[in-house]
PDB file of N, CA and C in Angstrom:
ATOM      1  N   UNK A   1      62.851  55.691 106.809  1.00  0.00           N
ATOM      2  CA  UNK A   1      63.941  55.915 107.723  1.00  0.00           C
ATOM      3  C   UNK A   1      65.234  56.221 106.965  1.00  0.00           C
ATOM      4  N   UNK A   2      65.480  55.491 105.895  1.00  0.00           N
ATOM      5  CA  UNK A   2      66.701  55.700 105.124  1.00  0.00           C
ATOM      6  C   UNK A   2      66.692  57.076 104.469  1.00  0.00           C
ATOM      7  N   UNK A   3      65.533  57.524 104.023  1.00  0.00           N
ATOM      8  CA  UNK A   3      65.447  58.838 103.391  1.00  0.00           C
ATOM      9  C   UNK A   3      65.716  59.935 104.417  1.00  0.00           C
ATOM     10  N   UNK A   4      65.194  59.776 105.615  1.00  0.00           N
ATOM     11  CA  UNK A   4      65.440  60.771 106.665  1.00  0.00           C
ATOM     12  C   UNK A   4      66.916  60.796 107.036  1.00  0.00           C
ATOM     13  N   UNK A   5      67.514  59.607 107.122  1.00  0.00           N
ATOM     14  CA  UNK A   5      68.921  59.514 107.493  1.00  0.00           C
ATOM     15  C   UNK A   5      69.815  60.165 106.450  1.00  0.00           C
ATOM     16  N   UNK A   6      69.534  59.956 105.184  1.00  0.00           N
ATOM     17  CA  UNK A   6      70.353  60.585 104.145  1.00  0.00           C
ATOM     18  C   UNK A   6      70.130  62.087 104.100  1.00  0.00           C
ATOM     19  N   UNK A   7      68.935  62.529 104.437  1.00  0.00           N
ATOM     20  CA  UNK A   7      68.649  63.966 104.427  1.00  0.00           C
ATOM     21  C   UNK A   7      69.328  64.680 105.597  1.00  0.00           C
ATOM     22  N   UNK A   8      69.540  63.971 106.692  1.00  0.00           N
ATOM     23  CA  UNK A   8      70.115  64.567 107.894  1.00  0.00           C
ATOM     24  C   UNK A   8      71.466  63.953 108.255  1.00  0.00           C
ATOM     25  N   UNK A   9      72.185  63.457 107.281  1.00  0.00           N
ATOM     26  CA  UNK A   9      73.441  62.762 107.529  1.00  0.00           C
ATOM     27  C   UNK A   9      74.480  63.665 108.188  1.00  0.00           C
ATOM     28  N   UNK A  10      74.590  64.890 107.748  1.00  0.00           N
ATOM     29  CA  UNK A  10      75.578  65.808 108.335  1.00  0.00           C
ATOM     30  C   UNK A  10      75.281  66.059 109.804  1.00  0.00           C
ATOM     31  N   UNK A  11      74.020  66.273 110.140  1.00  0.00           N
ATOM     32  CA  UNK A  11      73.632  66.521 111.525  1.00  0.00           C
ATOM     33  C   UNK A  11      73.916  65.298 112.398  1.00  0.00           C
ATOM     34  N   UNK A  12      73.614  64.127 111.897  1.00  0.00           N
ATOM     35  CA  UNK A  12      73.848  62.902 112.646  1.00  0.00           C
ATOM     36  C   UNK A  12      75.342  62.700 112.876  1.00  0.00           C
ATOM     37  N   UNK A  13      76.158  62.931 111.856  1.00  0.00           N
ATOM     38  CA  UNK A  13      77.601  62.762 112.010  1.00  0.00           C
ATOM     39  C   UNK A  13      78.183  63.765 112.995  1.00  0.00           C
ATOM     40  N   UNK A  14      77.750  65.002 112.943  1.00  0.00           N
ATOM     41  CA  UNK A  14      78.226  66.017 113.883  1.00  0.00           C
ATOM     42  C   UNK A  14      77.844  65.641 115.309  1.00  0.00           C
ATOM     43  N   UNK A  15      76.630  65.170 115.514  1.00  0.00           N
ATOM     44  CA  UNK A  15      76.190  64.756 116.851  1.00  0.00           C
ATOM     45  C   UNK A  15      77.008  63.569 117.356  1.00  0.00           C
ATOM     46  N   UNK A  16      77.328  62.628 116.475  1.00  0.00           N
ATOM     47  CA  UNK A  16      78.143  61.484 116.887  1.00  0.00           C
ATOM     48  C   UNK A  16      79.557  61.909 117.253  1.00  0.00           C
ATOM     49  N   UNK A  17      80.136  62.836 116.505  1.00  0.00           N
ATOM     50  CA  UNK A  17      81.477  63.332 116.817  1.00  0.00           C
ATOM     51  C   UNK A  17      81.468  64.070 118.153  1.00  0.00           C
ATOM     52  N   UNK A  18      80.470  64.913 118.368  1.00  0.00           N
ATOM     53  CA  UNK A  18      80.382  65.645 119.633  1.00  0.00           C
ATOM     54  C   UNK A  18      80.171  64.699 120.808  1.00  0.00           C
ATOM     55  N   UNK A  19      79.358  63.676 120.633  1.00  0.00           N
ATOM     56  CA  UNK A  19      79.140  62.691 121.693  1.00  0.00           C
ATOM     57  C   UNK A  19      80.431  61.942 122.006  1.00  0.00           C
ATOM     58  N   UNK A  20      81.211  61.618 120.980  1.00  0.00           N
ATOM     59  CA  UNK A  20      82.489  60.929 121.200  1.00  0.00           C
ATOM     60  C   UNK A  20      83.458  61.829 121.957  1.00  0.00           C
ATOM     61  N   UNK A  21      83.480  63.121 121.647  1.00  0.00           N
ATOM     62  CA  UNK A  21      84.350  64.057 122.354  1.00  0.00           C
ATOM     63  C   UNK A  21      83.963  64.150 123.821  1.00  0.00           C
ATOM     64  N   UNK A  22      82.676  64.213 124.101  1.00  0.00           N
ATOM     65  CA  UNK A  22      82.199  64.283 125.488  1.00  0.00           C
ATOM     66  C   UNK A  22      82.590  63.020 126.252  1.00  0.00           C
ATOM     67  N   UNK A  23      82.441  61.865 125.628  1.00  0.00           N
ATOM     68  CA  UNK A  23      82.807  60.603 126.275  1.00  0.00           C
ATOM     69  C   UNK A  23      84.301  60.583 126.573  1.00  0.00           C
ATOM     70  N   UNK A  24      85.132  61.039 125.640  1.00  0.00           N
ATOM     71  CA  UNK A  24      86.577  61.063 125.869  1.00  0.00           C
ATOM     72  C   UNK A  24      86.947  62.019 127.000  1.00  0.00           C
ATOM     73  N   UNK A  25      86.276  63.157 127.082  1.00  0.00           N
ATOM     74  CA  UNK A  25      86.537  64.099 128.173  1.00  0.00           C
ATOM     75  C   UNK A  25      86.166  63.473 129.513  1.00  0.00           C
ATOM     76  N   UNK A  26      85.017  62.830 129.565  1.00  0.00           N
ATOM     77  CA  UNK A  26      84.589  62.189 130.808  1.00  0.00           C
ATOM     78  C   UNK A  26      85.543  61.072 131.226  1.00  0.00           C
ATOM     79  N   UNK A  27      85.997  60.276 130.265  1.00  0.00           N
ATOM     80  CA  UNK A  27      86.952  59.214 130.588  1.00  0.00           C
ATOM     81  C   UNK A  27      88.258  59.794 131.112  1.00  0.00           C
ATOM     82  N   UNK A  28      88.695  60.901 130.534  1.00  0.00           N
ATOM     83  CA  UNK A  28      89.910  61.551 131.001  1.00  0.00           C
ATOM     84  C   UNK A  28      89.743  62.069 132.420  1.00  0.00           C
ATOM     85  N   UNK A  29      88.606  62.667 132.722  1.00  0.00           N
ATOM     86  CA  UNK A  29      88.346  63.163 134.075  1.00  0.00           C
ATOM     87  C   UNK A  29      88.300  62.025 135.088  1.00  0.00           C
ATOM     88  N   UNK A  30      87.669  60.924 134.716  1.00  0.00           N
ATOM     89  CA  UNK A  30      87.581  59.771 135.611  1.00  0.00           C
ATOM     90  C   UNK A  30      88.969  59.188 135.853  1.00  0.00           C
ATOM     91  N   UNK A  31      89.769  59.065 134.793  1.00  0.00           N
ATOM     92  CA  UNK A  31      91.117  58.527 134.915  1.00  0.00           C
ATOM     93  C   UNK A  31      91.985  59.417 135.808  1.00  0.00           C
ATOM     94  N   UNK A  32      91.874  60.738 135.629  1.00  0.00           N
ATOM     95  CA  UNK A  32      92.637  61.667 136.464  1.00  0.00           C
ATOM     96  C   UNK A  32      92.201  61.591 137.915  1.00  0.00           C
ATOM     97  N   UNK A  33      90.915  61.458 138.141  1.00  0.00           N
ATOM     98  CA  UNK A  33      90.392  61.376 139.508  1.00  0.00           C
ATOM     99  C   UNK A  33      90.917  60.125 140.219  1.00  0.00           C
ATOM    100  N   UNK A  34      90.968  59.005 139.485  1.00  0.00           N
ATOM    101  CA  UNK A  34      91.484  57.771 140.076  1.00  0.00           C
ATOM    102  C   UNK A  34      92.965  57.872 140.386  1.00  0.00           C
ATOM    103  N   UNK A  35      93.704  58.669 139.612  1.00  0.00           N
ATOM    104  CA  UNK A  35      95.134  58.864 139.854  1.00  0.00           C
ATOM    105  C   UNK A  35      95.385  59.865 140.973  1.00  0.00           C
ATOM    106  N   UNK A  36      94.338  60.549 141.425  1.00  0.00           N
ATOM    107  CA  UNK A  36      94.474  61.501 142.515  1.00  0.00           C
ATOM    108  C   UNK A  36      94.815  62.903 142.068  1.00  0.00           C
ATOM    109  N   UNK A  37      94.705  63.170 140.795  1.00  0.00           N
ATOM    110  CA  UNK A  37      95.003  64.509 140.305  1.00  0.00           C
ATOM    111  C   UNK A  37      93.867  65.457 140.666  1.00  0.00           C
ATOM    112  N   UNK A  38      94.222  66.699 140.920  1.00  0.00           N
ATOM    113  CA  UNK A  38      93.249  67.715 141.278  1.00  0.00           C
ATOM    114  C   UNK A  38      92.570  68.250 140.028  1.00  0.00           C
ATOM    115  N   UNK A  39      91.306  68.579 140.121  1.00  0.00           N
ATOM    116  CA  UNK A  39      90.582  69.115 138.969  1.00  0.00           C
ATOM    117  C   UNK A  39      90.901  70.578 138.709  1.00  0.00           C
ATOM    118  N   UNK A  40      91.391  71.290 139.726  1.00  0.00           N
ATOM    119  CA  UNK A  40      91.685  72.707 139.539  1.00  0.00           C
ATOM    120  C   UNK A  40      93.103  72.931 139.027  1.00  0.00           C
ATOM    121  N   UNK A  41      93.943  71.920 139.060  1.00  0.00           N
ATOM    122  CA  UNK A  41      95.288  72.035 138.545  1.00  0.00           C
ATOM    123  C   UNK A  41      96.333  72.421 139.575  1.00  0.00           C
ATOM    124  N   UNK A  42      95.921  72.663 140.808  1.00  0.00           N
ATOM    125  CA  UNK A  42      96.891  73.005 141.844  1.00  0.00           C
ATOM    126  C   UNK A  42      96.736  72.024 143.000  1.00  0.00           C
ATOM    127  N   UNK A  43      97.618  72.101 143.941  1.00  0.00           N
ATOM    128  CA  UNK A  43      97.549  71.204 145.090  1.00  0.00           C
ATOM    129  C   UNK A  43      96.420  71.589 146.030  1.00  0.00           C
ATOM    130  N   UNK A  44      96.033  70.675 146.856  1.00  0.00           N
ATOM    131  CA  UNK A  44      94.936  70.927 147.787  1.00  0.00           C
ATOM    132  C   UNK A  44      95.407  71.574 149.092  1.00  0.00           C
ATOM    133  N   UNK A  45      96.704  71.730 149.277  1.00  0.00           N
ATOM    134  CA  UNK A  45      97.239  72.252 150.528  1.00  0.00           C
ATOM    135  C   UNK A  45      96.766  73.656 150.849  1.00  0.00           C
ATOM    136  N   UNK A  46      96.690  74.535 149.866  1.00  0.00           N
ATOM    137  CA  UNK A  46      96.302  75.912 150.114  1.00  0.00           C
ATOM    138  C   UNK A  46      94.838  76.192 149.843  1.00  0.00           C
ATOM    139  N   UNK A  47      94.086  75.182 149.543  1.00  0.00           N
ATOM    140  CA  UNK A  47      92.675  75.360 149.200  1.00  0.00           C
ATOM    141  C   UNK A  47      91.828  75.488 150.470  1.00  0.00           C
ATOM    142  N   UNK A  48      90.906  76.449 150.529  1.00  0.00           N
ATOM    143  CA  UNK A  48      90.051  76.578 151.701  1.00  0.00           C
ATOM    144  C   UNK A  48      89.086  75.397 151.874  1.00  0.00           C
ATOM    145  N   UNK A  49      88.824  74.660 150.791  1.00  0.00           N
ATOM    146  CA  UNK A  49      87.926  73.502 150.855  1.00  0.00           C
ATOM    147  C   UNK A  49      88.722  72.197 150.954  1.00  0.00           C
ATOM    148  N   UNK A  50      89.919  72.269 151.488  1.00  0.00           N
ATOM    149  CA  UNK A  50      90.854  71.152 151.523  1.00  0.00           C
ATOM    150  C   UNK A  50      90.245  69.874 152.095  1.00  0.00           C
ATOM    151  N   UNK A  51      89.563  69.953 153.182  1.00  0.00           N
ATOM    152  CA  UNK A  51      89.046  68.754 153.831  1.00  0.00           C
ATOM    153  C   UNK A  51      87.748  68.237 153.276  1.00  0.00           C
ATOM    154  N   UNK A  52      87.064  68.988 152.439  1.00  0.00           N
ATOM    155  CA  UNK A  52      85.733  68.557 152.028  1.00  0.00           C
ATOM    156  C   UNK A  52      85.624  68.061 150.585  1.00  0.00           C
ATOM    157  N   UNK A  53      86.635  68.269 149.768  1.00  0.00           N
ATOM    158  CA  UNK A  53      86.489  67.848 148.377  1.00  0.00           C
ATOM    159  C   UNK A  53      86.866  66.378 148.188  1.00  0.00           C
ATOM    160  N   UNK A  54      87.787  65.864 148.968  1.00  0.00           N
ATOM    161  CA  UNK A  54      88.231  64.476 148.845  1.00  0.00           C
ATOM    162  C   UNK A  54      88.443  63.865 150.209  1.00  0.00           C
ATOM    163  N   UNK A  55      88.208  62.581 150.297  1.00  0.00           N
ATOM    164  CA  UNK A  55      88.471  61.884 151.540  1.00  0.00           C
ATOM    165  C   UNK A  55      89.970  61.612 151.632  1.00  0.00           C
ATOM    166  N   UNK A  56      90.535  61.801 152.790  1.00  0.00           N
ATOM    167  CA  UNK A  56      91.947  61.486 153.000  1.00  0.00           C
ATOM    168  C   UNK A  56      92.098  59.997 153.179  1.00  0.00           C
ATOM    169  N   UNK A  57      93.150  59.440 152.566  1.00  0.00           N
ATOM    170  CA  UNK A  57      93.382  58.000 152.663  1.00  0.00           C
ATOM    171  C   UNK A  57      94.332  57.708 153.775  1.00  0.00           C
TER     172      UNK A  57
END
């Protein structure tokens, strides 16, 4: 196992960095969603899907 790990260390490190980036992106999206921010970057007032993307509080 140690020999395989040393032979593929660069690949393992790159995969770990990419996985960390994906986790940070997902956490950012979840945090924005909880704050009520729109995913498209604009307000929902002019959107044709206004009533179906989010429940009104």
